[in-house]
Amino acid sequence: MSARGPVGVVGDGTASAGAGAGAGAPPGPGKATRAARQPLPPRLRQQIVIACCLVASAQITWGAIVPALPRYGDMFSVSSFLLGAIVAAFGVGRLLVNIPAGLLADRFGPRRLLLGALVGLVVVTVLTAFAPTLAVLLVARFLAGVLGGSVVTIGLAVVTARAPADARGTVLATAQAVQLAGGAMGPVVGGLVLDRWGLHAVFFAAAVPAVACLVWTLLSPDRDFWGKVPVVDQRSDLVTSERDRDVEGSISLQSHDLDRLDPGQDSGTAAGATAAGPVSGRRRVATDLAAFVGLNVVGFAVFVIRFGGEQSLVPILGDRVGMTSTQLGLSIGVITLVSLGLLPLLARLLDAGWRRRLLVPGMLVAAVAIALYPVADTPLAFGAVVVAAGVGAAVGGIVPGVVLADVASPGRQGAAMGIFRSTGDLGAVVGPLALGLALDHWGAGAASLSLAAVAGVSAVAYLMLVRTPVATVHAGEEGRS
């Protein structure tokens, strides 16, 4: 039993906390106090970087094929729809494996599963260079999706589980940036190698970073980091519920959006409370479930933009306006450079509780830039709108992973990440096929406007669904254990 001072949200994402007994008067109104965030221990930081690099190396292997799509179109004499199928085959593999990979990682531990999948991905990537027919290429891309999807799902689940609550924004923003960097390095490597050494060399070059990351991981083992995450209980809940919350004090729940959460309270989700009674607890669970649905809607849209847009529609439209493979790869690489430059600012804003004010403007910028694809009729203009769309989607795309960590139950991160990644990979399958079909039958305008609509609708869905209550502990009231 202990008395608790007031804990609540002040202004935008800041918290005020009353002092403990004998510590003096609580801070005045409007004055925010927050415990200084401790730096990550070097050992933990190293393992997080390794996990992120494993994910990025998998991204490189499948991004390298993007500049080669027009070359495959000429080689196999196929339509835009079938070129989209090459991208979609990879997404089908990821779609089928994400949830099983997450569940297996929760049950058996992530290290061996992740490293085994990455070894298989290296082998499949090298063998893809020798695909003699479209059918063989599609099978190789499917297998790459199964193996690469396992690496990404397991790697991101580990980072999500190990990220400290007070540094979650920084850690997951970094993971997102490294993942984005890997995805963008693939087209850069593919474009440069394709123009100089030909199609076969692309896949050998794409496998090199994965091999380097494998060696680094094997030389830096850490059983604590890569061990299984303890499960709170044996229920199957993917999001936090009233039985997962144990906070002292009398609690009232007030509805606020995620932009007003205090990271020191674990974004108002994992460390929320239910002393207000079962009705408030059930309402909280419903709120977290709605947030989980909203995050999956945004994840679907981001993957449609990346796979249907950057990796399918953009190469075809870029070829039409005279972009070379190198120019296309460099344009996508610029997205990464700008996103990495924004990372320190984005990480601070996420740690300060910003959610919708990053996601909504980012997705709207992406929507406007994508709508301009058909009117950008020079390589320079087209490259500019591609960069604008990519940066907007990257900024908005960071947020769902952070909020997912807020609402996922401890020990269930693998399953939650598997569902989230599968929803995204559904977009990776539907996007290239739907946009390729629209491009073949109705032209660049219809395809671009359809993609822009997906980005805009996802922002609206986030505004409608992702809201969560904030717990307020009143001063002077006796706590309950």
Protein backbone atom coordinates (compact mmCIF):
# COMPACT_ATOMS: atom_id res chain seq x y z
CA MET A 1 0.00 0.00 0.00
CA SER A 2 1.42 3.35 -0.93
CA ALA A 3 0.21 6.81 -1.73
CA ARG A 4 0.64 7.92 -5.25
CA GLY A 5 0.92 11.42 -6.64
CA PRO A 6 -0.96 12.57 -9.74
CA VAL A 7 0.16 11.00 -12.98
CA GLY A 8 -1.43 12.42 -16.07
CA VAL A 9 -0.90 13.95 -19.46
CA VAL A 10 -0.02 17.60 -19.69
CA GLY A 11 -0.02 19.41 -22.98
CA ASP A 12 1.15 17.22 -25.87
CA GLY A 13 2.67 13.94 -24.82
CA THR A 14 4.27 15.17 -21.62
CA ALA A 15 3.53 13.95 -18.12
CA SER A 16 3.51 15.44 -14.67
CA ALA A 17 4.14 13.24 -11.67
CA GLY A 18 3.65 14.07 -8.04
CA ALA A 19 6.52 13.56 -5.69
CA GLY A 20 6.61 10.64 -3.31
CA ALA A 21 6.05 11.01 0.42
CA GLY A 22 8.48 13.42 1.92
CA ALA A 23 9.80 14.56 -1.43
CA GLY A 24 8.15 17.96 -1.41
CA ALA A 25 5.24 19.48 -3.28
CA PRO A 26 4.24 18.23 -6.68
CA PRO A 27 5.18 20.30 -9.69
CA GLY A 28 2.93 23.17 -10.59
CA PRO A 29 0.29 23.00 -13.30
CA GLY A 30 1.64 22.71 -16.81
CA LYS A 31 5.15 21.80 -15.73
CA ALA A 32 6.20 18.47 -17.15
CA THR A 33 8.69 16.22 -15.49
CA ARG A 34 10.06 12.97 -16.86
CA ALA A 35 12.81 10.73 -15.64
CA ALA A 36 15.90 11.03 -17.77
CA ARG A 37 16.08 8.19 -20.25
CA GLN A 38 18.99 5.88 -19.60
CA PRO A 39 21.24 5.09 -22.57
CA LEU A 40 21.02 1.58 -23.92
CA PRO A 41 23.67 -0.77 -22.49
CA PRO A 42 26.40 -1.36 -25.10
CA ARG A 43 25.67 -5.08 -25.27
CA LEU A 44 21.96 -4.53 -25.87
CA ARG A 45 22.69 -1.81 -28.42
CA GLN A 46 25.02 -4.14 -30.34
CA GLN A 47 22.47 -6.94 -30.53
CA ILE A 48 19.70 -4.57 -31.65
CA VAL A 49 21.99 -3.30 -34.41
CA ILE A 50 22.80 -6.88 -35.44
CA ALA A 51 19.10 -7.81 -35.57
CA CYS A 52 18.35 -4.71 -37.65
CA CYS A 53 21.20 -5.50 -40.04
CA LEU A 54 19.94 -9.06 -40.50
CA VAL A 55 16.56 -7.63 -41.50
CA ALA A 56 18.19 -5.05 -43.81
CA SER A 57 20.32 -7.68 -45.54
CA ALA A 58 17.18 -9.67 -46.35
CA GLN A 59 15.60 -6.51 -47.75
CA ILE A 60 18.60 -5.97 -50.04
CA THR A 61 18.24 -9.40 -51.63
CA TRP A 62 14.72 -8.79 -52.90
CA GLY A 63 15.09 -5.08 -53.70
CA ALA A 64 17.91 -5.77 -56.17
CA ILE A 65 15.46 -7.13 -58.72
CA VAL A 66 13.52 -3.85 -59.01
CA PRO A 67 15.69 -2.17 -61.71
CA ALA A 68 15.77 -5.49 -63.59
CA LEU A 69 11.99 -5.70 -64.10
CA PRO A 70 12.00 -3.97 -67.52
CA ARG A 71 14.85 -6.31 -68.54
CA TYR A 72 12.75 -9.32 -67.56
CA GLY A 73 9.83 -7.84 -69.49
CA ASP A 74 11.95 -7.82 -72.65
CA MET A 75 13.49 -11.24 -71.93
CA PHE A 76 10.20 -13.08 -71.38
CA SER A 77 7.94 -10.77 -73.48
CA VAL A 78 5.43 -10.29 -70.67
CA SER A 79 2.85 -7.64 -69.79
CA SER A 80 2.89 -5.18 -66.90
CA PHE A 81 0.53 -7.53 -65.05
CA LEU A 82 3.03 -10.41 -65.27
CA LEU A 83 5.87 -8.14 -64.22
CA GLY A 84 3.72 -7.32 -61.20
CA ALA A 85 3.34 -11.06 -60.65
CA ILE A 86 7.13 -11.35 -60.26
CA VAL A 87 6.92 -8.90 -57.36
CA ALA A 88 3.70 -10.44 -56.04
CA ALA A 89 5.17 -13.98 -55.96
CA PHE A 90 7.60 -12.77 -53.35
CA GLY A 91 4.73 -11.24 -51.38
CA VAL A 92 2.76 -14.50 -51.49
CA GLY A 93 5.67 -16.33 -49.88
CA ARG A 94 5.92 -13.74 -47.12
CA LEU A 95 2.16 -13.72 -46.63
CA LEU A 96 2.09 -17.46 -45.99
CA VAL A 97 5.06 -17.56 -43.62
CA ASN A 98 4.75 -14.47 -41.41
CA ILE A 99 2.33 -15.81 -38.81
CA PRO A 100 3.93 -19.30 -38.58
CA ALA A 101 7.37 -17.69 -38.28
CA GLY A 102 6.21 -15.42 -35.47
CA LEU A 103 4.52 -18.26 -33.59
CA LEU A 104 7.56 -20.53 -33.95
CA ALA A 105 9.85 -17.75 -32.72
CA ASP A 106 7.61 -17.25 -29.66
CA ARG A 107 7.65 -20.98 -28.94
CA PHE A 108 11.19 -22.09 -29.72
CA GLY A 109 13.25 -18.88 -29.69
CA PRO A 110 14.28 -16.75 -32.65
CA ARG A 111 18.02 -17.22 -33.26
CA ARG A 112 18.22 -20.57 -35.04
CA LEU A 113 15.07 -19.93 -37.05
CA LEU A 114 16.29 -16.54 -38.23
CA LEU A 115 19.80 -17.66 -39.15
CA GLY A 116 18.55 -20.78 -40.92
CA ALA A 117 16.11 -18.71 -42.97
CA LEU A 118 18.84 -16.24 -43.91
CA VAL A 119 21.17 -19.02 -45.07
CA GLY A 120 18.36 -20.39 -47.25
CA LEU A 121 17.69 -16.90 -48.61
CA VAL A 122 21.33 -16.50 -49.68
CA VAL A 123 21.20 -19.80 -51.57
CA VAL A 124 17.90 -19.00 -53.30
CA THR A 125 19.08 -15.51 -54.24
CA VAL A 126 22.18 -16.84 -55.97
CA LEU A 127 20.22 -19.55 -57.79
CA THR A 128 17.69 -16.95 -59.02
CA ALA A 129 20.41 -15.56 -61.29
CA PHE A 130 20.11 -18.69 -63.44
CA ALA A 131 16.31 -18.81 -63.80
CA PRO A 132 15.75 -19.86 -67.44
CA THR A 133 11.98 -19.25 -67.65
CA LEU A 134 9.33 -17.04 -66.11
CA ALA A 135 7.87 -20.01 -64.21
CA VAL A 136 11.21 -20.81 -62.57
CA LEU A 137 11.70 -17.14 -61.73
CA LEU A 138 8.27 -17.01 -60.07
CA VAL A 139 9.06 -20.10 -57.97
CA ALA A 140 12.41 -18.61 -56.92
CA ARG A 141 10.74 -15.36 -55.93
CA PHE A 142 8.14 -17.27 -53.92
CA LEU A 143 10.84 -19.17 -52.01
CA ALA A 144 12.72 -15.91 -51.43
CA GLY A 145 9.51 -14.50 -49.96
CA VAL A 146 9.11 -17.44 -47.58
CA LEU A 147 12.70 -17.22 -46.35
CA GLY A 148 13.03 -13.44 -46.40
CA GLY A 149 9.65 -12.99 -44.73
CA SER A 150 10.79 -15.27 -41.90
CA VAL A 151 13.94 -13.21 -41.39
CA VAL A 152 12.08 -9.89 -41.30
CA THR A 153 9.21 -11.05 -39.07
CA ILE A 154 11.47 -12.76 -36.53
CA GLY A 155 14.05 -9.98 -36.53
CA LEU A 156 11.51 -7.21 -36.00
CA ALA A 157 9.70 -9.25 -33.33
CA VAL A 158 12.96 -9.61 -31.39
CA VAL A 159 13.69 -5.87 -31.62
CA THR A 160 10.12 -5.06 -30.56
CA ALA A 161 10.33 -7.38 -27.56
CA ARG A 162 13.72 -6.09 -26.40
CA ALA A 163 13.14 -2.35 -26.91
CA PRO A 164 12.94 -0.56 -23.51
CA ALA A 165 9.65 1.32 -23.07
CA ASP A 166 11.32 4.71 -22.60
CA ALA A 167 13.42 4.29 -25.77
CA ARG A 168 10.87 2.47 -27.89
CA GLY A 169 10.44 5.29 -30.37
CA THR A 170 14.17 5.58 -30.96
CA VAL A 171 14.80 1.84 -31.20
CA LEU A 172 11.90 1.06 -33.53
CA ALA A 173 12.44 4.17 -35.63
CA THR A 174 16.04 3.02 -36.06
CA ALA A 175 14.84 -0.48 -36.98
CA GLN A 176 12.45 1.00 -39.52
CA ALA A 177 15.19 3.20 -40.97
CA VAL A 178 17.65 0.32 -41.26
CA GLN A 179 14.96 -1.80 -42.88
CA LEU A 180 14.19 1.03 -45.28
CA ALA A 181 17.89 1.45 -45.99
CA GLY A 182 18.17 -2.22 -46.88
CA GLY A 183 15.13 -2.02 -49.14
CA ALA A 184 16.57 1.03 -50.90
CA MET A 185 20.10 -0.33 -51.16
CA GLY A 186 18.77 -3.29 -53.12
CA PRO A 187 17.64 -1.19 -56.12
CA VAL A 188 20.84 0.90 -55.93
CA VAL A 189 23.01 -2.23 -55.99
CA GLY A 190 20.80 -3.80 -58.64
CA GLY A 191 20.88 -0.74 -60.89
CA LEU A 192 24.62 -0.16 -60.67
CA VAL A 193 25.54 -3.82 -61.15
CA LEU A 194 22.97 -4.37 -63.89
CA ASP A 195 24.30 -1.52 -66.05
CA ARG A 196 27.92 -2.66 -65.67
CA TRP A 197 28.04 -6.44 -65.28
CA GLY A 198 24.66 -7.74 -66.37
CA LEU A 199 21.66 -9.49 -64.88
CA HIS A 200 23.36 -12.53 -63.31
CA ALA A 201 25.80 -10.42 -61.30
CA VAL A 202 22.92 -8.58 -59.60
CA PHE A 203 21.95 -11.56 -57.48
CA PHE A 204 25.48 -12.44 -56.44
CA ALA A 205 26.07 -8.85 -55.31
CA ALA A 206 22.75 -8.81 -53.43
CA ALA A 207 23.72 -11.88 -51.39
CA VAL A 208 27.01 -10.42 -50.10
CA PRO A 209 25.54 -8.25 -47.26
CA ALA A 210 23.52 -11.23 -45.97
CA VAL A 211 26.66 -13.35 -45.78
CA ALA A 212 28.50 -10.57 -43.93
CA CYS A 213 25.65 -10.23 -41.41
CA LEU A 214 25.58 -13.97 -40.84
CA VAL A 215 29.29 -13.98 -39.97
CA TRP A 216 28.86 -10.99 -37.64
CA THR A 217 25.97 -12.67 -35.83
CA LEU A 218 27.84 -15.93 -35.35
CA LEU A 219 30.83 -14.06 -33.92
CA SER A 220 28.67 -12.10 -31.44
CA PRO A 221 26.37 -14.55 -29.64
CA ASP A 222 24.06 -13.34 -26.84
CA ARG A 223 21.72 -15.91 -25.29
CA ASP A 224 19.86 -13.37 -23.18
CA PHE A 225 18.93 -11.18 -26.15
CA TRP A 226 17.99 -14.05 -28.44
CA GLY A 227 16.21 -16.15 -25.83
CA LYS A 228 12.47 -16.65 -25.60
CA VAL A 229 10.44 -13.75 -24.19
CA PRO A 230 8.44 -14.81 -21.09
CA VAL A 231 4.68 -14.96 -21.65
CA VAL A 232 2.56 -13.03 -19.15
CA ASP A 233 0.05 -15.90 -19.03
CA GLN A 234 -1.12 -18.67 -21.29
CA ARG A 235 -4.04 -16.80 -22.83
CA SER A 236 -3.96 -16.16 -26.57
CA ASP A 237 -4.53 -12.38 -26.36
CA LEU A 238 -2.34 -10.41 -28.74
CA VAL A 239 -3.01 -7.05 -27.12
CA THR A 240 -2.83 -6.01 -23.51
CA SER A 241 -5.91 -6.53 -21.36
CA GLU A 242 -7.12 -5.72 -17.89
CA ARG A 243 -5.39 -8.74 -16.36
CA ASP A 244 -2.05 -7.58 -17.79
CA ARG A 245 -2.20 -4.21 -16.04
CA ASP A 246 -1.06 -3.78 -12.47
CA VAL A 247 -0.68 -0.19 -11.42
CA GLU A 248 -1.09 1.11 -7.88
CA GLY A 249 -3.65 3.75 -7.23
CA SER A 250 -7.23 4.66 -7.97
CA ILE A 251 -7.55 5.09 -11.69
CA SER A 252 -9.90 6.90 -13.99
CA LEU A 253 -9.76 6.49 -17.75
CA GLN A 254 -10.03 9.38 -20.14
CA SER A 255 -10.10 8.98 -23.90
CA HIS A 256 -7.17 10.58 -25.67
CA ASP A 257 -5.45 9.88 -28.92
CA LEU A 258 -1.97 8.42 -29.13
CA ASP A 259 -0.42 11.82 -29.78
CA ARG A 260 -1.02 12.61 -26.09
CA LEU A 261 0.58 9.58 -24.54
CA ASP A 262 3.47 9.72 -22.15
CA PRO A 263 6.28 7.33 -23.10
CA GLY A 264 7.19 7.13 -19.43
CA GLN A 265 3.84 5.35 -18.99
CA ASP A 266 4.60 2.96 -21.85
CA SER A 267 2.39 4.95 -24.19
CA GLY A 268 -0.61 4.39 -21.98
CA THR A 269 -1.09 0.79 -23.04
CA ALA A 270 1.25 -1.82 -21.63
CA ALA A 271 1.32 -0.19 -18.21
CA GLY A 272 -2.28 0.99 -18.12
CA ALA A 273 -4.57 -0.10 -15.32
CA THR A 274 -8.01 -1.47 -14.60
CA ALA A 275 -8.73 -0.46 -11.04
CA ALA A 276 -11.63 1.54 -12.49
CA GLY A 277 -13.47 -1.76 -12.91
CA PRO A 278 -14.22 -4.39 -15.52
CA VAL A 279 -16.23 -2.08 -17.78
CA SER A 280 -13.28 0.30 -18.17
CA GLY A 281 -10.96 -2.68 -18.62
CA ARG A 282 -13.10 -4.12 -21.40
CA ARG A 283 -13.31 -0.71 -23.02
CA ARG A 284 -9.52 -0.53 -22.90
CA VAL A 285 -9.16 -3.92 -24.58
CA ALA A 286 -11.62 -2.86 -27.30
CA THR A 287 -9.60 0.32 -27.81
CA ASP A 288 -6.36 -1.62 -28.16
CA LEU A 289 -8.01 -4.05 -30.59
CA ALA A 290 -9.28 -1.14 -32.68
CA ALA A 291 -5.76 0.29 -32.67
CA PHE A 292 -4.40 -3.07 -33.81
CA VAL A 293 -6.86 -3.10 -36.71
CA GLY A 294 -5.94 0.49 -37.62
CA LEU A 295 -2.25 -0.35 -37.61
CA ASN A 296 -2.87 -3.24 -39.97
CA VAL A 297 -4.78 -0.98 -42.36
CA VAL A 298 -1.82 1.39 -42.47
CA GLY A 299 0.61 -1.52 -42.81
CA PHE A 300 -1.38 -2.80 -45.80
CA ALA A 301 -1.23 0.63 -47.44
CA VAL A 302 2.50 1.07 -46.84
CA PHE A 303 3.24 -2.29 -48.47
CA VAL A 304 1.00 -1.48 -51.44
CA ILE A 305 2.99 1.73 -51.90
CA ARG A 306 6.36 -0.01 -51.58
CA PHE A 307 5.69 -3.16 -53.59
CA GLY A 308 2.95 -1.99 -55.92
CA GLY A 309 4.39 1.50 -56.29
CA GLU A 310 8.15 1.66 -55.80
CA GLN A 311 8.91 -1.88 -56.93
CA SER A 312 6.36 -2.36 -59.71
CA LEU A 313 4.66 0.78 -61.02
CA VAL A 314 7.64 3.12 -60.63
CA PRO A 315 10.13 1.02 -62.69
CA ILE A 316 7.62 0.70 -65.55
CA LEU A 317 6.68 4.39 -65.59
CA GLY A 318 10.33 5.38 -65.14
CA ASP A 319 11.30 3.32 -68.18
CA ARG A 320 8.60 5.11 -70.18
CA VAL A 321 10.04 8.55 -69.38
CA GLY A 322 13.59 7.45 -70.19
CA MET A 323 15.08 6.70 -66.75
CA THR A 324 18.07 4.35 -66.78
CA SER A 325 18.42 1.50 -64.29
CA THR A 326 21.08 3.51 -62.44
CA GLN A 327 18.89 6.61 -62.25
CA LEU A 328 15.98 4.57 -60.95
CA GLY A 329 18.11 2.88 -58.31
CA LEU A 330 19.61 6.19 -57.22
CA SER A 331 16.17 7.82 -56.95
CA ILE A 332 15.06 5.11 -54.55
CA GLY A 333 18.40 5.45 -52.75
CA VAL A 334 17.75 9.15 -52.17
CA ILE A 335 14.59 8.16 -50.29
CA THR A 336 16.77 6.31 -47.84
CA LEU A 337 19.27 9.15 -47.45
CA VAL A 338 16.53 11.68 -46.71
CA SER A 339 14.77 9.27 -44.35
CA LEU A 340 17.99 8.57 -42.47
CA GLY A 341 18.63 12.29 -42.20
CA LEU A 342 15.19 12.72 -40.62
CA LEU A 343 15.66 9.78 -38.26
CA PRO A 344 17.06 11.65 -35.21
CA LEU A 345 14.16 14.12 -35.31
CA LEU A 346 11.57 11.39 -35.88
CA ALA A 347 12.97 9.31 -33.02
CA ARG A 348 12.75 12.25 -30.60
CA LEU A 349 9.19 13.01 -31.67
CA LEU A 350 8.15 9.37 -31.28
CA ASP A 351 9.71 9.19 -27.82
CA ALA A 352 7.79 12.38 -26.99
CA GLY A 353 4.52 10.65 -27.89
CA TRP A 354 3.94 11.84 -31.46
CA ARG A 355 1.96 9.35 -33.50
CA ARG A 356 -0.77 10.74 -35.76
CA ARG A 357 1.10 13.99 -36.39
CA LEU A 358 3.79 11.96 -38.12
CA LEU A 359 1.67 9.33 -39.83
CA VAL A 360 -1.14 11.43 -41.26
CA PRO A 361 0.97 14.18 -42.92
CA GLY A 362 3.42 11.57 -44.20
CA MET A 363 0.74 9.48 -45.89
CA LEU A 364 -0.97 12.56 -47.33
CA VAL A 365 2.32 13.80 -48.82
CA ALA A 366 2.78 10.35 -50.34
CA ALA A 367 -0.75 10.46 -51.78
CA VAL A 368 -0.23 13.83 -53.47
CA ALA A 369 3.18 12.86 -54.89
CA ILE A 370 1.87 9.54 -56.25
CA ALA A 371 -1.02 11.34 -57.96
CA LEU A 372 1.60 13.38 -59.84
CA TYR A 373 3.33 10.33 -61.36
CA PRO A 374 1.53 10.59 -64.74
CA VAL A 375 2.37 14.29 -65.25
CA ALA A 376 6.06 13.95 -64.37
CA ASP A 377 7.29 13.35 -67.93
CA THR A 378 11.06 13.77 -67.52
CA PRO A 379 13.53 11.63 -65.57
CA LEU A 380 14.28 14.51 -63.19
CA ALA A 381 10.63 15.36 -62.49
CA PHE A 382 9.65 11.72 -62.13
CA GLY A 383 12.56 11.07 -59.79
CA ALA A 384 11.50 14.03 -57.65
CA VAL A 385 7.92 12.83 -57.14
CA VAL A 386 9.16 9.28 -56.49
CA VAL A 387 11.42 10.62 -53.73
CA ALA A 388 8.61 12.73 -52.25
CA ALA A 389 6.22 9.78 -52.20
CA GLY A 390 8.85 7.46 -50.75
CA VAL A 391 9.86 9.83 -47.96
CA GLY A 392 6.22 10.53 -47.05
CA ALA A 393 5.43 6.81 -46.85
CA ALA A 394 8.63 6.19 -44.88
CA VAL A 395 7.77 8.83 -42.28
CA GLY A 396 4.23 7.52 -41.92
CA GLY A 397 5.40 3.92 -42.02
CA ILE A 398 7.56 4.27 -38.91
CA VAL A 399 4.58 4.86 -36.64
CA PRO A 400 2.70 1.52 -36.84
CA GLY A 401 5.65 -0.49 -35.51
CA VAL A 402 5.94 1.77 -32.47
CA VAL A 403 2.22 1.61 -31.69
CA LEU A 404 2.26 -2.16 -32.23
CA ALA A 405 4.88 -2.41 -29.49
CA ASP A 406 2.58 -0.30 -27.30
CA VAL A 407 -0.40 -2.64 -27.60
CA ALA A 408 1.14 -6.12 -28.08
CA SER A 409 1.10 -8.35 -25.00
CA PRO A 410 4.49 -9.39 -23.58
CA GLY A 411 5.51 -12.76 -24.97
CA ARG A 412 3.09 -12.40 -27.90
CA GLN A 413 5.16 -9.99 -29.98
CA GLY A 414 6.05 -12.68 -32.50
CA ALA A 415 2.42 -13.56 -33.20
CA ALA A 416 1.36 -9.89 -33.30
CA MET A 417 4.24 -9.03 -35.63
CA GLY A 418 3.37 -12.04 -37.80
CA ILE A 419 -0.22 -10.83 -38.24
CA PHE A 420 0.97 -7.27 -38.89
CA ARG A 421 3.52 -8.40 -41.47
CA SER A 422 0.99 -10.74 -43.12
CA THR A 423 -1.49 -7.91 -43.53
CA GLY A 424 1.25 -5.84 -45.07
CA ASP A 425 2.30 -8.66 -47.35
CA LEU A 426 -1.28 -9.01 -48.51
CA GLY A 427 -0.71 -5.50 -49.82
CA ALA A 428 2.55 -6.69 -51.36
CA VAL A 429 0.57 -9.30 -53.29
CA VAL A 430 -2.51 -7.28 -54.20
CA GLY A 431 -0.68 -4.04 -54.99
CA PRO A 432 1.56 -5.14 -57.88
CA LEU A 433 -1.18 -7.26 -59.48
CA ALA A 434 -3.92 -4.64 -59.18
CA LEU A 435 -1.72 -1.77 -60.32
CA GLY A 436 -0.30 -3.82 -63.20
CA LEU A 437 -3.84 -4.65 -64.31
CA ALA A 438 -4.90 -1.00 -64.02
CA LEU A 439 -1.84 0.09 -65.98
CA ASP A 440 -2.51 -2.39 -68.80
CA HIS A 441 -6.22 -1.60 -69.14
CA TRP A 442 -6.72 2.01 -68.02
CA GLY A 443 -3.32 3.66 -68.18
CA ALA A 444 -0.88 5.40 -65.85
CA GLY A 445 -3.43 7.90 -64.56
CA ALA A 446 -5.82 5.31 -63.20
CA ALA A 447 -3.03 3.25 -61.66
CA SER A 448 -1.44 6.27 -59.97
CA LEU A 449 -4.70 7.69 -58.64
CA SER A 450 -5.67 4.29 -57.26
CA LEU A 451 -2.39 4.06 -55.39
CA ALA A 452 -2.78 7.64 -54.12
CA ALA A 453 -6.26 6.76 -52.83
CA VAL A 454 -4.83 3.83 -50.84
CA ALA A 455 -2.40 6.19 -49.08
CA GLY A 456 -5.12 8.73 -48.30
CA VAL A 457 -7.64 6.18 -47.03
CA SER A 458 -5.06 4.68 -44.67
CA ALA A 459 -4.55 8.07 -43.01
CA VAL A 460 -8.30 8.38 -42.48
CA ALA A 461 -8.49 4.85 -41.07
CA TYR A 462 -5.74 5.65 -38.58
CA LEU A 463 -7.57 8.77 -37.41
CA MET A 464 -10.76 6.78 -36.89
CA LEU A 465 -9.39 3.64 -35.23
CA VAL A 466 -6.17 4.36 -33.37
CA ARG A 467 -7.24 6.01 -30.16
CA THR A 468 -6.45 4.87 -26.64
CA PRO A 469 -7.35 5.81 -23.07
CA VAL A 470 -4.89 7.41 -20.72
CA ALA A 471 -4.70 6.39 -17.08
CA THR A 472 -4.76 9.15 -14.46
CA VAL A 473 -3.87 8.39 -10.83
CA HIS A 474 -5.33 10.92 -8.45
CA ALA A 475 -3.27 12.48 -5.70
CA GLY A 476 -3.84 11.54 -2.11
CA GLU A 477 -5.76 8.36 -2.86
CA GLU A 478 -4.54 5.17 -1.32
CA GLY A 479 -3.00 2.73 -3.82
CA ARG A 480 -4.16 -0.82 -4.18
CA SER A 481 -1.85 -3.72 -4.97
